[in-house]
């Protein structure tokens, strides 16, 4: 999902905003290696759409009505009838493999949908059964820590993500010395 207005960040197209050395959209793409990816853009994110097409990512331009409305539209128009991983493009992942962990949990949970939280806050990672897209779906919850992922909505969030990123890299280096 990369079609929002990004008004709280006030820094142009949010998916292209750099945090921790790379564009937010690239944080998501790095987690999705080996997956069939469809980036959902809108008229709010033409530069993001162009960037993704150059990378060879399949793009669907939605009406830009909102996060949920846009992924429902994409599932219907593209006739997707299986579980779909829905990721916001404004997430910084502080370690590899998070998306695979979420998917593995979903496969075992036996619910139609899954919402990922950090604390009590949704982080923008969900799985929905597209075959049931018009119906309320029973959902399970998967919890991550603030040292796993962070949703970046403001410049303050970006600064905090940079701080956590540096802390995690330092911690990683120290554990390799032992």
Protein backbone atom coordinates (compact mmCIF):
# COMPACT_ATOMS: atom_id res chain seq x y z
CA UNK A 1 0.00 0.00 0.00
CA UNK A 2 1.70 3.15 -1.22
CA UNK A 3 -0.96 5.58 -2.37
CA UNK A 4 -1.63 7.77 0.67
CA UNK A 5 -1.22 11.52 0.85
CA UNK A 6 1.46 11.50 3.57
CA UNK A 7 0.19 14.79 4.97
CA UNK A 8 1.49 14.24 8.52
CA UNK A 9 5.05 13.69 7.31
CA UNK A 10 5.08 16.87 5.19
CA UNK A 11 7.99 15.64 3.07
CA UNK A 12 6.58 14.81 -0.36
CA UNK A 13 5.60 11.29 -1.31
CA UNK A 14 6.00 9.25 1.87
CA UNK A 15 7.04 5.96 0.20
CA UNK A 16 10.10 7.72 -1.24
CA UNK A 17 11.05 9.45 2.03
CA UNK A 18 14.42 8.13 3.24
CA UNK A 19 14.71 6.67 6.72
CA UNK A 20 17.70 4.66 7.93
CA UNK A 21 19.48 5.15 4.63
CA UNK A 22 16.78 4.05 2.21
CA UNK A 23 13.34 4.98 0.93
CA UNK A 24 10.48 3.65 3.05
CA UNK A 25 9.16 1.65 0.08
CA UNK A 26 12.54 -0.11 -0.15
CA UNK A 27 12.18 -1.31 3.46
CA UNK A 28 9.00 -3.13 2.39
CA UNK A 29 10.46 -4.44 -0.86
CA UNK A 30 13.44 -5.94 0.98
CA UNK A 31 11.03 -7.92 3.20
CA UNK A 32 9.11 -9.21 0.17
CA UNK A 33 11.88 -10.97 -1.73
CA UNK A 34 10.41 -14.07 -3.39
CA UNK A 35 6.80 -12.91 -3.14
CA UNK A 36 4.40 -11.85 -5.90
CA UNK A 37 4.14 -8.12 -5.15
CA UNK A 38 1.45 -5.74 -6.35
CA UNK A 39 2.06 -2.16 -5.24
CA UNK A 40 -1.16 -0.19 -4.85
CA UNK A 41 -0.60 3.46 -5.70
CA UNK A 42 -2.93 6.38 -6.41
CA UNK A 43 -2.82 9.80 -8.02
CA UNK A 44 -1.20 10.94 -4.73
CA UNK A 45 2.00 8.99 -5.50
CA UNK A 46 2.99 9.30 -9.19
CA UNK A 47 6.76 9.38 -8.47
CA UNK A 48 6.44 6.28 -6.31
CA UNK A 49 4.55 4.55 -9.11
CA UNK A 50 7.28 5.45 -11.61
CA UNK A 51 10.01 4.30 -9.20
CA UNK A 52 8.32 0.93 -8.63
CA UNK A 53 7.77 0.33 -12.34
CA UNK A 54 11.50 0.94 -12.96
CA UNK A 55 12.23 -1.73 -10.33
CA UNK A 56 9.94 -4.13 -12.18
CA UNK A 57 7.27 -4.15 -9.46
CA UNK A 58 3.71 -4.69 -10.67
CA UNK A 59 1.61 -1.59 -9.93
CA UNK A 60 -2.13 -1.12 -9.57
CA UNK A 61 -3.37 2.47 -9.40
CA UNK A 62 -6.37 2.69 -7.07
CA UNK A 63 -8.93 5.45 -6.68
CA UNK A 64 -7.06 6.71 -3.61
CA UNK A 65 -10.06 6.58 -1.28
CA UNK A 66 -8.22 5.13 1.71
CA UNK A 67 -6.12 2.23 2.94
CA UNK A 68 -8.92 -0.34 3.33
CA UNK A 69 -10.99 0.91 0.39
CA UNK A 70 -7.97 0.76 -1.92
CA UNK A 71 -6.90 -2.79 -1.11
CA UNK A 72 -10.51 -3.98 -1.38
CA UNK A 73 -10.74 -2.29 -4.79
CA UNK A 74 -7.50 -3.93 -5.93
CA UNK A 75 -8.58 -7.39 -4.77
CA UNK A 76 -11.88 -7.08 -6.62
CA UNK A 77 -10.53 -5.59 -9.85
CA UNK A 78 -7.58 -8.00 -9.98
CA UNK A 79 -9.89 -10.89 -9.03
CA UNK A 80 -7.73 -12.08 -6.16
CA UNK A 81 -9.47 -14.86 -4.24
CA UNK A 82 -6.85 -16.02 -1.76
CA UNK A 83 -5.29 -14.68 1.41
CA UNK A 84 -3.43 -11.43 0.77
CA UNK A 85 -0.65 -9.83 2.79
CA UNK A 86 -1.30 -6.09 3.00
CA UNK A 87 1.66 -3.91 4.00
CA UNK A 88 1.87 -0.18 4.45
CA UNK A 89 4.82 1.34 2.64
CA UNK A 90 5.69 3.49 5.63
CA UNK A 91 7.18 0.81 7.86
CA UNK A 92 10.81 0.50 8.88
CA UNK A 93 11.82 -3.10 9.58
CA UNK A 94 14.64 -3.36 12.08
CA UNK A 95 15.39 -7.00 11.28
CA UNK A 96 14.95 -9.43 8.40
CA UNK A 97 12.31 -12.14 8.22
CA UNK A 98 9.44 -10.34 9.94
CA UNK A 99 7.01 -10.77 7.05
CA UNK A 100 7.77 -14.50 6.84
CA UNK A 101 7.12 -14.83 10.60
CA UNK A 102 3.75 -13.10 10.18
CA UNK A 103 2.81 -15.42 7.30
CA UNK A 104 3.86 -18.56 9.21
CA UNK A 105 1.76 -17.45 12.19
CA UNK A 106 -1.22 -16.81 9.89
CA UNK A 107 -0.97 -20.29 8.37
CA UNK A 108 -1.29 -21.80 11.86
CA UNK A 109 -3.90 -19.45 13.36
CA UNK A 110 -6.95 -20.83 11.49
CA UNK A 111 -8.63 -17.42 11.26
CA UNK A 112 -9.60 -15.58 8.08
CA UNK A 113 -7.60 -12.45 8.89
CA UNK A 114 -4.59 -11.33 10.88
CA UNK A 115 -3.70 -7.92 12.28
CA UNK A 116 -0.18 -7.07 13.44
CA UNK A 117 0.22 -4.81 16.47
CA UNK A 118 3.09 -3.12 18.26
CA UNK A 119 1.76 -2.69 21.77
CA UNK A 120 -1.91 -1.91 21.16
CA UNK A 121 -1.34 -0.03 17.88
CA UNK A 122 -1.83 -1.52 14.41
CA UNK A 123 1.43 -1.23 12.50
CA UNK A 124 0.12 -1.57 8.94
CA UNK A 125 0.75 -5.27 8.34
CA UNK A 126 -2.37 -7.37 7.79
CA UNK A 127 -3.50 -10.54 6.10
CA UNK A 128 -7.04 -10.76 4.76
CA UNK A 129 -8.82 -13.51 2.87
CA UNK A 130 -9.64 -11.80 -0.42
CA UNK A 131 -12.31 -14.42 -1.19
CA UNK A 132 -14.23 -12.97 1.77
CA UNK A 133 -13.33 -9.33 1.12
CA UNK A 134 -16.96 -8.12 1.35
CA UNK A 135 -17.53 -9.75 4.73
CA UNK A 136 -16.32 -9.14 8.24
CA UNK A 137 -13.53 -11.61 8.88
CA UNK A 138 -12.62 -13.21 12.17
CA UNK A 139 -9.09 -12.04 12.90
CA UNK A 140 -6.21 -13.11 15.04
CA UNK A 141 -3.53 -10.77 16.37
CA UNK A 142 0.23 -11.08 15.98
CA UNK A 143 2.35 -8.87 18.21
CA UNK A 144 5.74 -7.40 17.41
CA UNK A 145 7.97 -5.21 19.53
CA UNK A 146 9.05 -1.65 18.85
CA UNK A 147 12.47 -3.14 18.09
CA UNK A 148 10.99 -5.15 15.20
CA UNK A 149 9.08 -2.54 13.17
CA UNK A 150 7.96 1.05 13.27
CA UNK A 151 5.33 2.92 11.30
CA UNK A 152 6.68 6.32 10.21
CA UNK A 153 4.06 9.05 10.00
CA UNK A 154 5.91 12.16 11.18
CA UNK A 155 9.43 13.59 11.19
CA UNK A 156 9.59 12.70 14.89
CA UNK A 157 8.77 9.07 14.01
CA UNK A 158 11.55 9.12 11.41
CA UNK A 159 14.02 10.38 14.02
CA UNK A 160 12.93 7.68 16.48
CA UNK A 161 13.28 5.02 13.76
CA UNK A 162 16.82 6.25 13.03
CA UNK A 163 17.67 6.01 16.74
CA UNK A 164 16.28 2.46 17.02
CA UNK A 165 18.05 1.49 13.78
CA UNK A 166 21.39 2.65 15.18
CA UNK A 167 20.75 0.93 18.52
CA UNK A 168 19.92 -2.36 16.74
CA UNK A 169 23.02 -2.16 14.49
CA UNK A 170 25.21 -1.48 17.56
CA UNK A 171 23.60 -4.37 19.44
CA UNK A 172 24.15 -6.64 16.40
CA UNK A 173 27.84 -5.69 16.17
CA UNK A 174 28.36 -6.30 19.89
CA UNK A 175 26.75 -9.76 19.71
CA UNK A 176 29.07 -10.69 16.81
CA UNK A 177 32.13 -9.87 18.95
CA UNK A 178 31.20 -12.43 21.59
